[in-house]
Amino acid sequence: MTATATSRVHTTVLSPIGPLTLVATDGILSGLYMDAQRHAPDEATFGPRDHGPFGDVELQLAEYFAGDRTDFDVPLRLEGTEFQRRVWTALREVPYGRTWSYGQLADHIGSPGASRAVGLANGRNPIAIIVPCHRVVGADGKLTGYGGGLERKQQLLDLERDGSDRLF
């Protein structure tokens, strides 16, 4: 293997919102996909099954779904364009239990007026839940597209809202 070659492995774990496929590139989480997620890459790119590098990710996801974790601290490998990575990094700043509109997120990254581009980047988020794209809603506060489906988006928002006074 050359110095630039990468090694990918994956595993599937169960969650309250269905099976989640975790993908690691060189031992770092690079994908978290829901069953039948829109824009998920071809499973052939996930590499062989290997449960090894995912212990901490699984623990933190279990704590999140139990309501005991509001923030994740696992290392991430976000692979995308510079603009996509800016959006995905900013998503991690949306507070637990709150939502931002696409316009607010565009303003936050210094690109006012780029709400459509932010929405496209949001839809291509490779690490669902941990990079909380489910916390982004339409300008009117209504749920809009979500790669895992609007029902799952609502489930995640409901999970986070429990114990929180307000959603917006």
N, C-alpha and C. Protein backbone atom coordinates (compact mmCIF):
# COMPACT_ATOMS: atom_id res chain seq x y z
N MET A 1 0.85 -1.18 0.00
CA MET A 1 0.00 0.00 0.00
C MET A 1 0.89 1.24 0.00
N THR A 2 0.61 2.18 -0.87
CA THR A 2 1.41 3.40 -0.93
C THR A 2 1.00 4.35 0.17
N ALA A 3 1.80 5.40 0.37
CA ALA A 3 1.54 6.37 1.42
C ALA A 3 0.23 7.11 1.20
N THR A 4 -0.23 7.22 -0.04
CA THR A 4 -1.46 7.94 -0.32
C THR A 4 -2.68 7.04 -0.37
N ALA A 5 -2.50 5.74 -0.31
CA ALA A 5 -3.64 4.82 -0.35
C ALA A 5 -4.44 4.92 0.94
N THR A 6 -5.73 4.70 0.84
CA THR A 6 -6.57 4.74 2.03
C THR A 6 -7.20 3.38 2.25
N SER A 7 -7.53 3.14 3.48
CA SER A 7 -8.16 1.90 3.87
C SER A 7 -9.55 2.22 4.44
N ARG A 8 -10.57 1.59 3.87
CA ARG A 8 -11.94 1.83 4.33
C ARG A 8 -12.53 0.53 4.85
N VAL A 9 -13.26 0.66 5.96
CA VAL A 9 -14.01 -0.45 6.53
C VAL A 9 -15.36 0.08 6.99
N HIS A 10 -16.27 -0.83 7.24
CA HIS A 10 -17.59 -0.41 7.71
C HIS A 10 -18.21 -1.45 8.64
N THR A 11 -19.23 -1.03 9.33
CA THR A 11 -20.05 -1.91 10.14
C THR A 11 -21.46 -1.33 10.16
N THR A 12 -22.41 -2.13 10.59
CA THR A 12 -23.78 -1.67 10.73
C THR A 12 -24.21 -1.88 12.17
N VAL A 13 -24.82 -0.84 12.74
CA VAL A 13 -25.31 -0.91 14.12
C VAL A 13 -26.80 -0.58 14.13
N LEU A 14 -27.49 -1.11 15.11
CA LEU A 14 -28.91 -0.82 15.25
C LEU A 14 -29.10 0.45 16.07
N SER A 15 -30.17 1.17 15.76
CA SER A 15 -30.49 2.39 16.52
C SER A 15 -32.01 2.52 16.57
N PRO A 16 -32.51 3.43 17.39
CA PRO A 16 -33.96 3.64 17.44
C PRO A 16 -34.55 4.17 16.13
N ILE A 17 -33.73 4.68 15.22
CA ILE A 17 -34.24 5.17 13.93
C ILE A 17 -33.87 4.21 12.79
N GLY A 18 -33.48 3.01 13.14
CA GLY A 18 -33.15 2.00 12.14
C GLY A 18 -31.66 1.75 12.07
N PRO A 19 -31.25 0.83 11.20
CA PRO A 19 -29.83 0.50 11.09
C PRO A 19 -29.01 1.70 10.59
N LEU A 20 -27.82 1.84 11.15
CA LEU A 20 -26.88 2.88 10.75
C LEU A 20 -25.61 2.21 10.26
N THR A 21 -25.14 2.61 9.10
CA THR A 21 -23.88 2.10 8.58
C THR A 21 -22.79 3.11 8.89
N LEU A 22 -21.78 2.65 9.59
CA LEU A 22 -20.62 3.47 9.95
C LEU A 22 -19.48 3.11 9.02
N VAL A 23 -18.81 4.11 8.47
CA VAL A 23 -17.68 3.91 7.57
C VAL A 23 -16.48 4.64 8.15
N ALA A 24 -15.33 3.97 8.17
CA ALA A 24 -14.09 4.60 8.62
C ALA A 24 -13.09 4.57 7.48
N THR A 25 -12.38 5.67 7.32
CA THR A 25 -11.28 5.77 6.37
C THR A 25 -10.02 5.96 7.19
N ASP A 26 -9.09 5.03 7.03
CA ASP A 26 -7.86 5.03 7.81
C ASP A 26 -8.15 5.16 9.31
N GLY A 27 -9.19 4.47 9.77
CA GLY A 27 -9.52 4.41 11.19
C GLY A 27 -10.31 5.59 11.72
N ILE A 28 -10.68 6.56 10.87
CA ILE A 28 -11.41 7.76 11.31
C ILE A 28 -12.79 7.74 10.66
N LEU A 29 -13.82 8.06 11.45
CA LEU A 29 -15.18 8.05 10.93
C LEU A 29 -15.32 8.99 9.74
N SER A 30 -15.75 8.45 8.61
CA SER A 30 -15.93 9.26 7.39
C SER A 30 -17.33 9.14 6.83
N GLY A 31 -18.16 8.28 7.43
CA GLY A 31 -19.52 8.13 6.96
C GLY A 31 -20.42 7.56 8.05
N LEU A 32 -21.63 8.07 8.09
CA LEU A 32 -22.68 7.52 8.95
C LEU A 32 -23.97 7.67 8.15
N TYR A 33 -24.47 6.54 7.67
CA TYR A 33 -25.60 6.54 6.75
C TYR A 33 -26.76 5.74 7.32
N MET A 34 -27.96 6.27 7.13
CA MET A 34 -29.18 5.59 7.54
C MET A 34 -29.62 4.65 6.43
N ASP A 35 -30.43 3.70 6.80
CA ASP A 35 -31.00 2.78 5.83
C ASP A 35 -31.79 3.57 4.79
N ALA A 36 -31.55 3.30 3.52
CA ALA A 36 -32.23 3.96 2.40
C ALA A 36 -32.02 5.47 2.38
N GLN A 37 -30.86 5.92 2.82
CA GLN A 37 -30.56 7.36 2.83
C GLN A 37 -30.29 7.87 1.42
N ARG A 38 -30.91 8.99 1.12
CA ARG A 38 -30.68 9.65 -0.17
C ARG A 38 -29.24 10.16 -0.20
N HIS A 39 -28.60 10.11 -1.33
CA HIS A 39 -27.23 10.57 -1.57
C HIS A 39 -26.16 9.74 -0.86
N ALA A 40 -26.51 8.57 -0.37
CA ALA A 40 -25.49 7.69 0.21
C ALA A 40 -24.64 7.13 -0.93
N PRO A 41 -23.34 6.99 -0.71
CA PRO A 41 -22.50 6.41 -1.76
C PRO A 41 -22.81 4.93 -1.96
N ASP A 42 -22.32 4.39 -3.04
CA ASP A 42 -22.47 2.98 -3.33
C ASP A 42 -21.80 2.18 -2.21
N GLU A 43 -22.51 1.19 -1.69
CA GLU A 43 -21.97 0.39 -0.59
C GLU A 43 -20.67 -0.31 -0.95
N ALA A 44 -20.40 -0.50 -2.21
CA ALA A 44 -19.15 -1.13 -2.63
C ALA A 44 -17.95 -0.27 -2.24
N THR A 45 -18.16 1.02 -1.98
CA THR A 45 -17.06 1.91 -1.59
C THR A 45 -16.78 1.88 -0.09
N PHE A 46 -17.61 1.17 0.67
CA PHE A 46 -17.47 1.16 2.13
C PHE A 46 -16.34 0.29 2.64
N GLY A 47 -15.82 -0.57 1.81
CA GLY A 47 -14.77 -1.49 2.24
C GLY A 47 -15.37 -2.68 2.97
N PRO A 48 -14.51 -3.57 3.44
CA PRO A 48 -14.99 -4.78 4.11
C PRO A 48 -15.60 -4.48 5.48
N ARG A 49 -16.37 -5.43 5.97
CA ARG A 49 -16.92 -5.30 7.33
C ARG A 49 -15.80 -5.48 8.34
N ASP A 50 -15.78 -4.57 9.29
CA ASP A 50 -14.79 -4.64 10.37
C ASP A 50 -15.33 -3.78 11.50
N HIS A 51 -15.63 -4.40 12.60
CA HIS A 51 -16.23 -3.69 13.73
C HIS A 51 -15.18 -2.91 14.53
N GLY A 52 -13.92 -3.20 14.31
CA GLY A 52 -12.82 -2.68 15.13
C GLY A 52 -12.79 -1.20 15.44
N PRO A 53 -12.82 -0.31 14.44
CA PRO A 53 -12.58 1.11 14.74
C PRO A 53 -13.79 1.88 15.25
N PHE A 54 -14.91 1.22 15.57
CA PHE A 54 -16.14 1.95 15.82
C PHE A 54 -16.64 1.94 17.26
N GLY A 55 -15.88 1.40 18.20
CA GLY A 55 -16.34 1.29 19.58
C GLY A 55 -16.76 2.61 20.19
N ASP A 56 -15.93 3.64 20.06
CA ASP A 56 -16.26 4.94 20.67
C ASP A 56 -17.46 5.59 19.97
N VAL A 57 -17.54 5.44 18.66
CA VAL A 57 -18.67 6.00 17.92
C VAL A 57 -19.96 5.34 18.39
N GLU A 58 -19.96 4.02 18.49
CA GLU A 58 -21.15 3.30 18.94
C GLU A 58 -21.56 3.72 20.35
N LEU A 59 -20.60 3.85 21.24
CA LEU A 59 -20.88 4.27 22.61
C LEU A 59 -21.53 5.65 22.63
N GLN A 60 -20.95 6.59 21.89
CA GLN A 60 -21.49 7.95 21.88
C GLN A 60 -22.87 8.00 21.23
N LEU A 61 -23.10 7.21 20.18
CA LEU A 61 -24.44 7.15 19.59
C LEU A 61 -25.45 6.58 20.58
N ALA A 62 -25.08 5.54 21.30
CA ALA A 62 -25.98 4.95 22.31
C ALA A 62 -26.31 5.99 23.38
N GLU A 63 -25.31 6.75 23.82
CA GLU A 63 -25.55 7.80 24.82
C GLU A 63 -26.47 8.88 24.26
N TYR A 64 -26.27 9.26 23.01
CA TYR A 64 -27.12 10.25 22.36
C TYR A 64 -28.57 9.78 22.33
N PHE A 65 -28.79 8.56 21.85
CA PHE A 65 -30.16 8.05 21.74
C PHE A 65 -30.80 7.83 23.11
N ALA A 66 -29.99 7.64 24.15
CA ALA A 66 -30.52 7.51 25.51
C ALA A 66 -30.81 8.88 26.14
N GLY A 67 -30.44 9.95 25.44
CA GLY A 67 -30.64 11.30 25.97
C GLY A 67 -29.54 11.75 26.91
N ASP A 68 -28.42 11.02 26.93
CA ASP A 68 -27.32 11.33 27.84
C ASP A 68 -26.15 12.05 27.18
N ARG A 69 -26.24 12.35 25.90
CA ARG A 69 -25.16 13.03 25.18
C ARG A 69 -25.76 14.08 24.27
N THR A 70 -25.19 15.28 24.33
CA THR A 70 -25.67 16.38 23.49
C THR A 70 -24.64 16.81 22.46
N ASP A 71 -23.43 16.28 22.56
CA ASP A 71 -22.36 16.65 21.65
C ASP A 71 -21.46 15.44 21.45
N PHE A 72 -20.91 15.31 20.27
CA PHE A 72 -20.02 14.19 19.95
C PHE A 72 -18.59 14.69 19.87
N ASP A 73 -17.65 13.85 20.28
CA ASP A 73 -16.25 14.25 20.21
C ASP A 73 -15.36 13.21 19.54
N VAL A 74 -15.95 12.42 18.65
CA VAL A 74 -15.15 11.45 17.91
C VAL A 74 -14.47 12.17 16.74
N PRO A 75 -13.27 11.76 16.38
CA PRO A 75 -12.60 12.36 15.23
C PRO A 75 -13.40 12.08 13.95
N LEU A 76 -13.46 13.08 13.07
CA LEU A 76 -14.21 12.95 11.82
C LEU A 76 -13.31 13.25 10.63
N ARG A 77 -13.58 12.56 9.55
CA ARG A 77 -12.92 12.84 8.28
C ARG A 77 -14.02 13.25 7.30
N LEU A 78 -14.20 14.55 7.14
CA LEU A 78 -15.24 15.09 6.27
C LEU A 78 -14.66 15.28 4.88
N GLU A 79 -15.13 14.47 3.93
CA GLU A 79 -14.62 14.51 2.57
C GLU A 79 -15.65 15.18 1.65
N GLY A 80 -15.28 16.33 1.11
CA GLY A 80 -16.16 17.07 0.22
C GLY A 80 -15.45 18.32 -0.27
N THR A 81 -16.20 19.18 -0.94
CA THR A 81 -15.61 20.44 -1.40
C THR A 81 -15.33 21.35 -0.22
N GLU A 82 -14.57 22.40 -0.45
CA GLU A 82 -14.29 23.35 0.62
C GLU A 82 -15.59 23.95 1.18
N PHE A 83 -16.51 24.32 0.28
CA PHE A 83 -17.78 24.90 0.72
C PHE A 83 -18.58 23.88 1.54
N GLN A 84 -18.65 22.65 1.07
CA GLN A 84 -19.38 21.62 1.83
C GLN A 84 -18.78 21.45 3.22
N ARG A 85 -17.47 21.39 3.31
CA ARG A 85 -16.82 21.22 4.62
C ARG A 85 -17.11 22.40 5.54
N ARG A 86 -17.17 23.62 4.98
CA ARG A 86 -17.53 24.80 5.79
C ARG A 86 -18.95 24.64 6.35
N VAL A 87 -19.87 24.20 5.50
CA VAL A 87 -21.25 23.99 5.95
C VAL A 87 -21.29 22.90 7.01
N TRP A 88 -20.64 21.79 6.76
CA TRP A 88 -20.69 20.67 7.70
C TRP A 88 -20.05 21.03 9.04
N THR A 89 -18.98 21.81 9.00
CA THR A 89 -18.36 22.27 10.24
C THR A 89 -19.31 23.18 11.00
N ALA A 90 -19.98 24.08 10.28
CA ALA A 90 -20.93 25.00 10.92
C ALA A 90 -22.13 24.24 11.50
N LEU A 91 -22.54 23.16 10.87
CA LEU A 91 -23.65 22.38 11.40
C LEU A 91 -23.37 21.92 12.83
N ARG A 92 -22.13 21.64 13.13
CA ARG A 92 -21.77 21.17 14.47
C ARG A 92 -21.90 22.28 15.51
N GLU A 93 -22.13 23.53 15.04
CA GLU A 93 -22.31 24.66 15.95
C GLU A 93 -23.79 24.96 16.22
N VAL A 94 -24.69 24.27 15.53
CA VAL A 94 -26.12 24.44 15.81
C VAL A 94 -26.38 23.75 17.15
N PRO A 95 -26.85 24.48 18.15
CA PRO A 95 -27.00 23.88 19.48
C PRO A 95 -27.99 22.72 19.52
N TYR A 96 -27.67 21.77 20.34
CA TYR A 96 -28.54 20.63 20.60
C TYR A 96 -29.91 21.16 21.04
N GLY A 97 -30.96 20.58 20.49
CA GLY A 97 -32.31 20.96 20.87
C GLY A 97 -32.82 22.22 20.18
N ARG A 98 -32.04 22.78 19.28
CA ARG A 98 -32.43 24.00 18.57
C ARG A 98 -32.37 23.73 17.07
N THR A 99 -32.94 24.63 16.31
CA THR A 99 -32.84 24.54 14.85
C THR A 99 -32.43 25.89 14.29
N TRP A 100 -31.82 25.86 13.14
CA TRP A 100 -31.49 27.05 12.36
C TRP A 100 -32.13 26.87 11.00
N SER A 101 -32.44 27.97 10.36
CA SER A 101 -32.91 27.89 8.97
C SER A 101 -31.69 27.80 8.06
N TYR A 102 -31.94 27.44 6.81
CA TYR A 102 -30.85 27.40 5.83
C TYR A 102 -30.24 28.79 5.69
N GLY A 103 -31.07 29.83 5.73
CA GLY A 103 -30.57 31.20 5.64
C GLY A 103 -29.69 31.56 6.83
N GLN A 104 -30.08 31.16 8.04
CA GLN A 104 -29.25 31.42 9.22
C GLN A 104 -27.90 30.72 9.10
N LEU A 105 -27.92 29.51 8.59
CA LEU A 105 -26.67 28.77 8.42
C LEU A 105 -25.80 29.45 7.37
N ALA A 106 -26.41 29.92 6.28
CA ALA A 106 -25.65 30.64 5.24
C ALA A 106 -25.03 31.91 5.83
N ASP A 107 -25.80 32.66 6.61
CA ASP A 107 -25.27 33.86 7.27
C ASP A 107 -24.11 33.49 8.19
N HIS A 108 -24.27 32.41 8.93
CA HIS A 108 -23.26 31.98 9.91
C HIS A 108 -21.91 31.67 9.25
N ILE A 109 -21.95 31.13 8.04
CA ILE A 109 -20.68 30.81 7.36
C ILE A 109 -20.18 31.97 6.52
N GLY A 110 -20.85 33.13 6.62
CA GLY A 110 -20.40 34.30 5.88
C GLY A 110 -20.80 34.30 4.42
N SER A 111 -21.86 33.57 4.08
CA SER A 111 -22.34 33.52 2.70
C SER A 111 -23.84 33.85 2.66
N PRO A 112 -24.21 35.05 3.09
CA PRO A 112 -25.64 35.39 3.06
C PRO A 112 -26.16 35.28 1.63
N GLY A 113 -27.36 34.82 1.52
CA GLY A 113 -27.94 34.63 0.20
C GLY A 113 -27.63 33.29 -0.42
N ALA A 114 -26.84 32.47 0.24
CA ALA A 114 -26.45 31.16 -0.30
C ALA A 114 -27.25 30.03 0.34
N SER A 115 -28.47 30.31 0.74
CA SER A 115 -29.24 29.29 1.45
C SER A 115 -29.49 28.05 0.59
N ARG A 116 -29.67 28.23 -0.73
CA ARG A 116 -29.86 27.06 -1.60
C ARG A 116 -28.60 26.20 -1.65
N ALA A 117 -27.44 26.84 -1.78
CA ALA A 117 -26.17 26.10 -1.80
C ALA A 117 -25.94 25.42 -0.46
N VAL A 118 -26.30 26.09 0.62
CA VAL A 118 -26.19 25.49 1.95
C VAL A 118 -27.09 24.26 2.03
N GLY A 119 -28.31 24.38 1.47
CA GLY A 119 -29.22 23.24 1.47
C GLY A 119 -28.67 22.05 0.70
N LEU A 120 -28.04 22.33 -0.44
CA LEU A 120 -27.44 21.25 -1.22
C LEU A 120 -26.30 20.58 -0.46
N ALA A 121 -25.45 21.39 0.18
CA ALA A 121 -24.35 20.84 0.97
C ALA A 121 -24.90 20.04 2.15
N ASN A 122 -25.93 20.57 2.77
CA ASN A 122 -26.56 19.89 3.90
C ASN A 122 -27.04 18.51 3.48
N GLY A 123 -27.65 18.43 2.30
CA GLY A 123 -28.16 17.16 1.79
C GLY A 123 -27.09 16.14 1.47
N ARG A 124 -25.86 16.60 1.28
CA ARG A 124 -24.73 15.71 0.98
C ARG A 124 -23.88 15.39 2.22
N ASN A 125 -24.35 15.77 3.37
CA ASN A 125 -23.62 15.51 4.62
C ASN A 125 -23.32 14.01 4.74
N PRO A 126 -22.04 13.64 4.83
CA PRO A 126 -21.71 12.21 4.88
C PRO A 126 -21.77 11.60 6.28
N ILE A 127 -21.96 12.43 7.30
CA ILE A 127 -21.93 11.89 8.67
C ILE A 127 -23.18 12.37 9.41
N ALA A 128 -24.31 11.72 9.10
CA ALA A 128 -25.58 12.09 9.72
C ALA A 128 -25.50 11.99 11.23
N ILE A 129 -26.37 12.67 11.90
CA ILE A 129 -26.56 12.70 13.36
C ILE A 129 -25.40 13.40 14.05
N ILE A 130 -24.18 12.92 13.86
CA ILE A 130 -23.00 13.53 14.51
C ILE A 130 -22.74 14.91 13.93
N VAL A 131 -22.90 15.05 12.63
CA VAL A 131 -22.92 16.36 11.97
C VAL A 131 -24.41 16.62 11.76
N PRO A 132 -25.03 17.39 12.68
CA PRO A 132 -26.50 17.40 12.82
C PRO A 132 -27.26 18.19 11.77
N CYS A 133 -27.27 17.69 10.55
CA CYS A 133 -28.02 18.35 9.48
C CYS A 133 -29.52 18.30 9.73
N HIS A 134 -29.96 17.42 10.62
CA HIS A 134 -31.39 17.36 10.96
C HIS A 134 -31.85 18.61 11.69
N ARG A 135 -30.94 19.43 12.19
CA ARG A 135 -31.30 20.65 12.92
C ARG A 135 -31.55 21.84 12.01
N VAL A 136 -31.56 21.64 10.71
CA VAL A 136 -31.79 22.73 9.76
C VAL A 136 -33.18 22.58 9.18
N VAL A 137 -33.93 23.69 9.23
CA VAL A 137 -35.32 23.70 8.78
C VAL A 137 -35.54 24.84 7.79
N GLY A 138 -36.72 24.88 7.19
CA GLY A 138 -37.05 25.96 6.28
C GLY A 138 -37.18 27.28 7.00
N ALA A 139 -37.20 28.38 6.24
CA ALA A 139 -37.29 29.72 6.81
C ALA A 139 -38.55 29.89 7.65
N ASP A 140 -39.61 29.15 7.34
CA ASP A 140 -40.85 29.24 8.08
C ASP A 140 -40.90 28.29 9.28
N GLY A 141 -39.78 27.60 9.55
CA GLY A 141 -39.71 26.68 10.67
C GLY A 141 -40.21 25.28 10.36
N LYS A 142 -40.68 25.06 9.14
CA LYS A 142 -41.20 23.74 8.78
C LYS A 142 -40.06 22.81 8.38
N LEU A 143 -40.30 21.52 8.58
CA LEU A 143 -39.32 20.52 8.17
C LEU A 143 -39.25 20.49 6.66
N THR A 144 -38.04 20.45 6.16
CA THR A 144 -37.83 20.32 4.72
C THR A 144 -36.92 19.12 4.52
N GLY A 145 -36.57 18.85 3.28
CA GLY A 145 -35.83 17.67 2.91
C GLY A 145 -34.81 17.18 3.92
N TYR A 146 -34.72 15.88 4.01
CA TYR A 146 -33.74 15.23 4.87
C TYR A 146 -33.38 13.90 4.23
N GLY A 147 -32.09 13.65 4.07
CA GLY A 147 -31.64 12.44 3.38
C GLY A 147 -32.15 11.16 4.00
N GLY A 148 -32.41 11.18 5.31
CA GLY A 148 -32.92 10.00 5.98
C GLY A 148 -34.43 9.95 6.04
N GLY A 149 -35.10 10.97 5.46
CA GLY A 149 -36.55 11.03 5.47
C GLY A 149 -37.06 11.96 6.56
N LEU A 150 -38.16 12.62 6.27
CA LEU A 150 -38.70 13.60 7.24
C LEU A 150 -39.15 12.95 8.54
N GLU A 151 -39.61 11.71 8.49
CA GLU A 151 -40.01 11.04 9.73
C GLU A 151 -38.82 10.88 10.68
N ARG A 152 -37.68 10.48 10.14
CA ARG A 152 -36.48 10.36 10.98
C ARG A 152 -36.02 11.72 11.48
N LYS A 153 -36.10 12.73 10.61
CA LYS A 153 -35.72 14.08 11.02
C LYS A 153 -36.56 14.51 12.23
N GLN A 154 -37.85 14.27 12.14
CA GLN A 154 -38.74 14.62 13.25
C GLN A 154 -38.39 13.82 14.50
N GLN A 155 -38.08 12.54 14.34
CA GLN A 155 -37.71 11.72 15.50
C GLN A 155 -36.46 12.28 16.18
N LEU A 156 -35.47 12.68 15.40
CA LEU A 156 -34.24 13.22 15.99
C LEU A 156 -34.51 14.56 16.68
N LEU A 157 -35.31 15.40 16.05
CA LEU A 157 -35.64 16.68 16.68
C LEU A 157 -36.45 16.46 17.96
N ASP A 158 -37.38 15.51 17.94
CA ASP A 158 -38.16 15.21 19.15
C ASP A 158 -37.26 14.70 20.27
N LEU A 159 -36.32 13.84 19.94
CA LEU A 159 -35.38 13.33 20.93
C LEU A 159 -34.63 14.49 21.59
N GLU A 160 -34.17 15.42 20.77
CA GLU A 160 -33.39 16.55 21.29
C GLU A 160 -34.26 17.57 22.00
N ARG A 161 -35.51 17.68 21.62
CA ARG A 161 -36.39 18.67 22.22
C ARG A 161 -36.80 18.26 23.62
N ASP A 162 -36.89 16.97 23.90
CA ASP A 162 -37.26 16.53 25.24
C ASP A 162 -36.32 17.15 26.25
N GLY A 163 -36.87 17.89 27.21
CA GLY A 163 -36.07 18.57 28.20
C GLY A 163 -35.62 19.94 27.78
N SER A 164 -35.92 20.35 26.56
CA SER A 164 -35.57 21.67 26.08
C SER A 164 -36.84 22.51 25.99
N ASP A 165 -36.77 23.74 26.40
CA ASP A 165 -37.94 24.62 26.43
C ASP A 165 -38.47 24.96 25.05
N ARG A 166 -37.58 25.17 24.10
CA ARG A 166 -38.07 25.61 22.80
C ARG A 166 -37.22 25.03 21.68
N LEU A 167 -37.83 24.88 20.53
CA LEU A 167 -37.14 24.31 19.38
C LEU A 167 -36.40 25.37 18.61
N PHE A 168 -36.91 26.59 18.54
CA PHE A 168 -36.27 27.64 17.73
C PHE A 168 -35.56 28.62 18.63
